[in-house]
């Protein structure tokens, strides 16, 4: 495992990594899906990963996935 050099603790880094994985998967597979479907898939994936995020995160993630043609983005700034 790499040494922590940023502002995140090991737990925080693991959470960010889990959220990033879910968002990347949903962005890849749900291109062109409705906002409701994207939100449902994000919620399902985050629940399966055992991670909770604020509704504001979900709102922004759904917006970015739907309006950026499924482009991947860094979730860490949205979790601060």
N, C-alpha and C. Protein backbone atom coordinates (compact mmCIF):
# COMPACT_ATOMS: atom_id res chain seq x y z
N UNK A 1 0.85 -1.17 0.00
CA UNK A 1 0.00 0.00 0.00
C UNK A 1 0.90 1.24 0.00
N UNK A 2 0.48 2.28 -0.67
CA UNK A 2 1.29 3.48 -0.75
C UNK A 2 1.18 4.30 0.53
N UNK A 3 2.21 5.07 0.78
CA UNK A 3 2.24 5.93 1.96
C UNK A 3 1.29 7.10 1.75
N UNK A 4 0.59 7.50 2.81
CA UNK A 4 -0.34 8.61 2.72
C UNK A 4 0.44 9.93 2.68
N UNK A 5 0.28 10.69 1.63
CA UNK A 5 0.96 11.97 1.54
C UNK A 5 -0.02 13.12 1.45
N UNK A 6 -1.30 12.84 1.23
CA UNK A 6 -2.31 13.87 1.10
C UNK A 6 -3.00 14.15 2.41
N UNK A 7 -4.13 14.81 2.30
CA UNK A 7 -4.88 15.20 3.49
C UNK A 7 -5.85 14.12 3.95
N UNK A 8 -5.93 13.02 3.23
CA UNK A 8 -6.89 11.98 3.57
C UNK A 8 -6.27 10.91 4.45
N UNK A 9 -7.02 10.46 5.42
CA UNK A 9 -6.59 9.32 6.22
C UNK A 9 -6.80 8.06 5.39
N UNK A 10 -6.33 6.93 5.92
CA UNK A 10 -6.53 5.67 5.21
C UNK A 10 -8.01 5.39 5.00
N UNK A 11 -8.84 5.64 6.03
CA UNK A 11 -10.28 5.41 5.90
C UNK A 11 -10.89 6.33 4.85
N UNK A 12 -10.47 7.55 4.85
CA UNK A 12 -10.99 8.52 3.88
C UNK A 12 -10.58 8.13 2.46
N UNK A 13 -9.34 7.72 2.32
CA UNK A 13 -8.85 7.29 1.00
C UNK A 13 -9.64 6.09 0.50
N UNK A 14 -9.92 5.15 1.40
CA UNK A 14 -10.69 3.97 1.02
C UNK A 14 -12.11 4.37 0.61
N UNK A 15 -12.69 5.33 1.32
CA UNK A 15 -14.03 5.79 0.96
C UNK A 15 -14.02 6.46 -0.42
N UNK A 16 -13.06 7.33 -0.64
CA UNK A 16 -12.96 8.01 -1.94
C UNK A 16 -12.76 6.99 -3.05
N UNK A 17 -11.91 6.01 -2.83
CA UNK A 17 -11.66 4.97 -3.82
C UNK A 17 -12.93 4.18 -4.13
N UNK A 18 -13.69 3.85 -3.09
CA UNK A 18 -14.94 3.09 -3.29
C UNK A 18 -15.95 3.92 -4.08
N UNK A 19 -16.09 5.18 -3.70
CA UNK A 19 -17.04 6.06 -4.40
C UNK A 19 -16.60 6.24 -5.85
N UNK A 20 -15.30 6.43 -6.07
CA UNK A 20 -14.80 6.62 -7.44
C UNK A 20 -15.12 5.39 -8.29
N UNK A 21 -14.94 4.21 -7.72
CA UNK A 21 -15.24 2.99 -8.46
C UNK A 21 -16.69 2.89 -8.87
N UNK A 22 -17.58 3.25 -7.95
CA UNK A 22 -19.02 3.20 -8.25
C UNK A 22 -19.36 4.23 -9.33
N UNK A 23 -18.86 5.43 -9.19
CA UNK A 23 -19.16 6.49 -10.16
C UNK A 23 -18.61 6.12 -11.53
N UNK A 24 -17.40 5.61 -11.58
CA UNK A 24 -16.82 5.21 -12.87
C UNK A 24 -17.64 4.11 -13.54
N UNK A 25 -18.08 3.14 -12.74
CA UNK A 25 -18.89 2.04 -13.30
C UNK A 25 -20.22 2.56 -13.85
N UNK A 26 -20.87 3.40 -13.07
CA UNK A 26 -22.17 3.94 -13.51
C UNK A 26 -21.98 4.83 -14.73
N UNK A 27 -20.94 5.66 -14.74
CA UNK A 27 -20.69 6.53 -15.89
C UNK A 27 -20.45 5.71 -17.15
N UNK A 28 -19.77 4.59 -17.01
CA UNK A 28 -19.48 3.74 -18.17
C UNK A 28 -20.72 3.02 -18.70
N UNK A 29 -21.53 2.53 -17.80
CA UNK A 29 -22.65 1.68 -18.20
C UNK A 29 -23.96 2.41 -18.41
N UNK A 30 -24.10 3.60 -17.86
CA UNK A 30 -25.39 4.27 -17.91
C UNK A 30 -25.40 5.46 -18.86
N UNK A 31 -24.47 5.53 -19.78
CA UNK A 31 -24.44 6.61 -20.76
C UNK A 31 -25.77 6.65 -21.51
N UNK A 32 -26.42 7.80 -21.47
CA UNK A 32 -27.71 7.96 -22.14
C UNK A 32 -28.91 7.60 -21.29
N UNK A 33 -28.68 7.12 -20.07
CA UNK A 33 -29.79 6.75 -19.18
C UNK A 33 -30.43 8.01 -18.60
N UNK A 34 -31.63 7.85 -18.09
CA UNK A 34 -32.32 8.96 -17.45
C UNK A 34 -31.62 9.31 -16.13
N UNK A 35 -31.86 10.53 -15.64
CA UNK A 35 -31.28 10.93 -14.36
C UNK A 35 -31.74 10.01 -13.24
N UNK A 36 -32.99 9.59 -13.30
CA UNK A 36 -33.53 8.69 -12.27
C UNK A 36 -32.77 7.36 -12.27
N UNK A 37 -32.51 6.81 -13.44
CA UNK A 37 -31.77 5.55 -13.53
C UNK A 37 -30.35 5.71 -13.01
N UNK A 38 -29.69 6.80 -13.40
CA UNK A 38 -28.32 7.06 -12.93
C UNK A 38 -28.30 7.17 -11.41
N UNK A 39 -29.24 7.93 -10.85
CA UNK A 39 -29.31 8.09 -9.39
C UNK A 39 -29.55 6.74 -8.71
N UNK A 40 -30.47 5.95 -9.26
CA UNK A 40 -30.76 4.63 -8.68
C UNK A 40 -29.53 3.73 -8.71
N UNK A 41 -28.80 3.73 -9.82
CA UNK A 41 -27.61 2.89 -9.94
C UNK A 41 -26.49 3.37 -9.02
N UNK A 42 -26.34 4.69 -8.89
CA UNK A 42 -25.34 5.21 -7.94
C UNK A 42 -25.70 4.81 -6.52
N UNK A 43 -26.94 4.99 -6.15
CA UNK A 43 -27.38 4.65 -4.79
C UNK A 43 -27.18 3.18 -4.52
N UNK A 44 -27.55 2.33 -5.47
CA UNK A 44 -27.39 0.89 -5.32
C UNK A 44 -25.91 0.53 -5.16
N UNK A 45 -25.06 1.07 -6.01
CA UNK A 45 -23.64 0.77 -5.95
C UNK A 45 -22.99 1.26 -4.66
N UNK A 46 -23.36 2.44 -4.22
CA UNK A 46 -22.80 2.98 -2.99
C UNK A 46 -23.25 2.18 -1.78
N UNK A 47 -24.50 1.74 -1.80
CA UNK A 47 -25.01 0.90 -0.71
C UNK A 47 -24.25 -0.43 -0.67
N UNK A 48 -24.06 -1.04 -1.84
CA UNK A 48 -23.30 -2.29 -1.91
C UNK A 48 -21.87 -2.11 -1.43
N UNK A 49 -21.29 -0.93 -1.66
CA UNK A 49 -19.92 -0.65 -1.22
C UNK A 49 -19.85 -0.25 0.25
N UNK A 50 -21.02 -0.05 0.86
CA UNK A 50 -21.06 0.32 2.26
C UNK A 50 -20.67 1.76 2.52
N UNK A 51 -20.92 2.62 1.53
CA UNK A 51 -20.53 4.03 1.63
C UNK A 51 -21.77 4.90 1.59
N UNK A 52 -21.79 5.92 2.45
CA UNK A 52 -22.87 6.90 2.39
C UNK A 52 -22.29 8.24 1.96
N UNK A 53 -23.06 8.95 1.17
CA UNK A 53 -22.65 10.27 0.69
C UNK A 53 -23.85 11.21 0.84
N UNK A 54 -23.58 12.51 0.92
CA UNK A 54 -24.69 13.45 1.03
C UNK A 54 -25.49 13.53 -0.28
N UNK A 55 -26.74 13.94 -0.16
CA UNK A 55 -27.59 14.09 -1.35
C UNK A 55 -26.98 15.08 -2.34
N UNK A 56 -26.28 16.08 -1.83
CA UNK A 56 -25.65 17.06 -2.73
C UNK A 56 -24.61 16.39 -3.63
N UNK A 57 -23.91 15.38 -3.09
CA UNK A 57 -22.97 14.63 -3.91
C UNK A 57 -23.71 13.89 -5.02
N UNK A 58 -24.79 13.20 -4.64
CA UNK A 58 -25.56 12.46 -5.64
C UNK A 58 -26.09 13.38 -6.73
N UNK A 59 -26.61 14.54 -6.32
CA UNK A 59 -27.13 15.50 -7.30
C UNK A 59 -26.06 15.89 -8.31
N UNK A 60 -24.87 16.22 -7.81
CA UNK A 60 -23.79 16.66 -8.69
C UNK A 60 -23.26 15.51 -9.54
N UNK A 61 -23.13 14.33 -8.97
CA UNK A 61 -22.65 13.18 -9.73
C UNK A 61 -23.62 12.84 -10.86
N UNK A 62 -24.91 12.84 -10.57
CA UNK A 62 -25.92 12.58 -11.61
C UNK A 62 -25.82 13.62 -12.71
N UNK A 63 -25.70 14.89 -12.32
CA UNK A 63 -25.61 15.97 -13.31
C UNK A 63 -24.39 15.77 -14.20
N UNK A 64 -23.25 15.48 -13.58
CA UNK A 64 -22.02 15.31 -14.37
C UNK A 64 -22.09 14.09 -15.29
N UNK A 65 -22.61 13.00 -14.81
CA UNK A 65 -22.72 11.79 -15.64
C UNK A 65 -23.66 12.04 -16.81
N UNK A 66 -24.79 12.67 -16.56
CA UNK A 66 -25.79 12.88 -17.61
C UNK A 66 -25.40 13.97 -18.60
N UNK A 67 -24.72 15.00 -18.14
CA UNK A 67 -24.45 16.14 -19.02
C UNK A 67 -23.04 16.16 -19.59
N UNK A 68 -22.22 15.21 -19.21
CA UNK A 68 -20.86 15.14 -19.74
C UNK A 68 -20.65 13.87 -20.53
N UNK A 69 -21.73 13.33 -21.07
CA UNK A 69 -21.66 12.14 -21.93
C UNK A 69 -20.90 10.99 -21.29
N UNK A 70 -21.09 10.80 -19.99
CA UNK A 70 -20.48 9.68 -19.30
C UNK A 70 -19.00 9.82 -19.04
N UNK A 71 -18.46 11.04 -19.22
CA UNK A 71 -17.03 11.24 -18.94
C UNK A 71 -16.75 10.97 -17.48
N UNK A 72 -15.59 10.42 -17.21
CA UNK A 72 -15.20 10.14 -15.84
C UNK A 72 -14.67 11.42 -15.22
N UNK A 73 -14.86 11.56 -13.91
CA UNK A 73 -14.40 12.75 -13.19
C UNK A 73 -13.94 12.33 -11.80
N UNK A 74 -13.11 13.18 -11.20
CA UNK A 74 -12.56 12.93 -9.87
C UNK A 74 -13.62 13.28 -8.83
N UNK A 75 -13.98 12.30 -8.01
CA UNK A 75 -15.03 12.51 -7.00
C UNK A 75 -14.52 13.16 -5.73
N UNK A 76 -13.21 13.11 -5.48
CA UNK A 76 -12.66 13.59 -4.20
C UNK A 76 -13.06 15.03 -3.89
N UNK A 77 -12.99 15.96 -4.82
CA UNK A 77 -13.38 17.34 -4.49
C UNK A 77 -14.87 17.46 -4.09
N UNK A 78 -15.68 16.57 -4.62
CA UNK A 78 -17.12 16.62 -4.28
C UNK A 78 -17.41 16.07 -2.90
N UNK A 79 -16.47 15.32 -2.36
CA UNK A 79 -16.66 14.71 -1.05
C UNK A 79 -16.09 15.54 0.09
N UNK A 80 -15.41 16.63 -0.25
CA UNK A 80 -14.82 17.50 0.81
C UNK A 80 -15.88 18.35 1.47
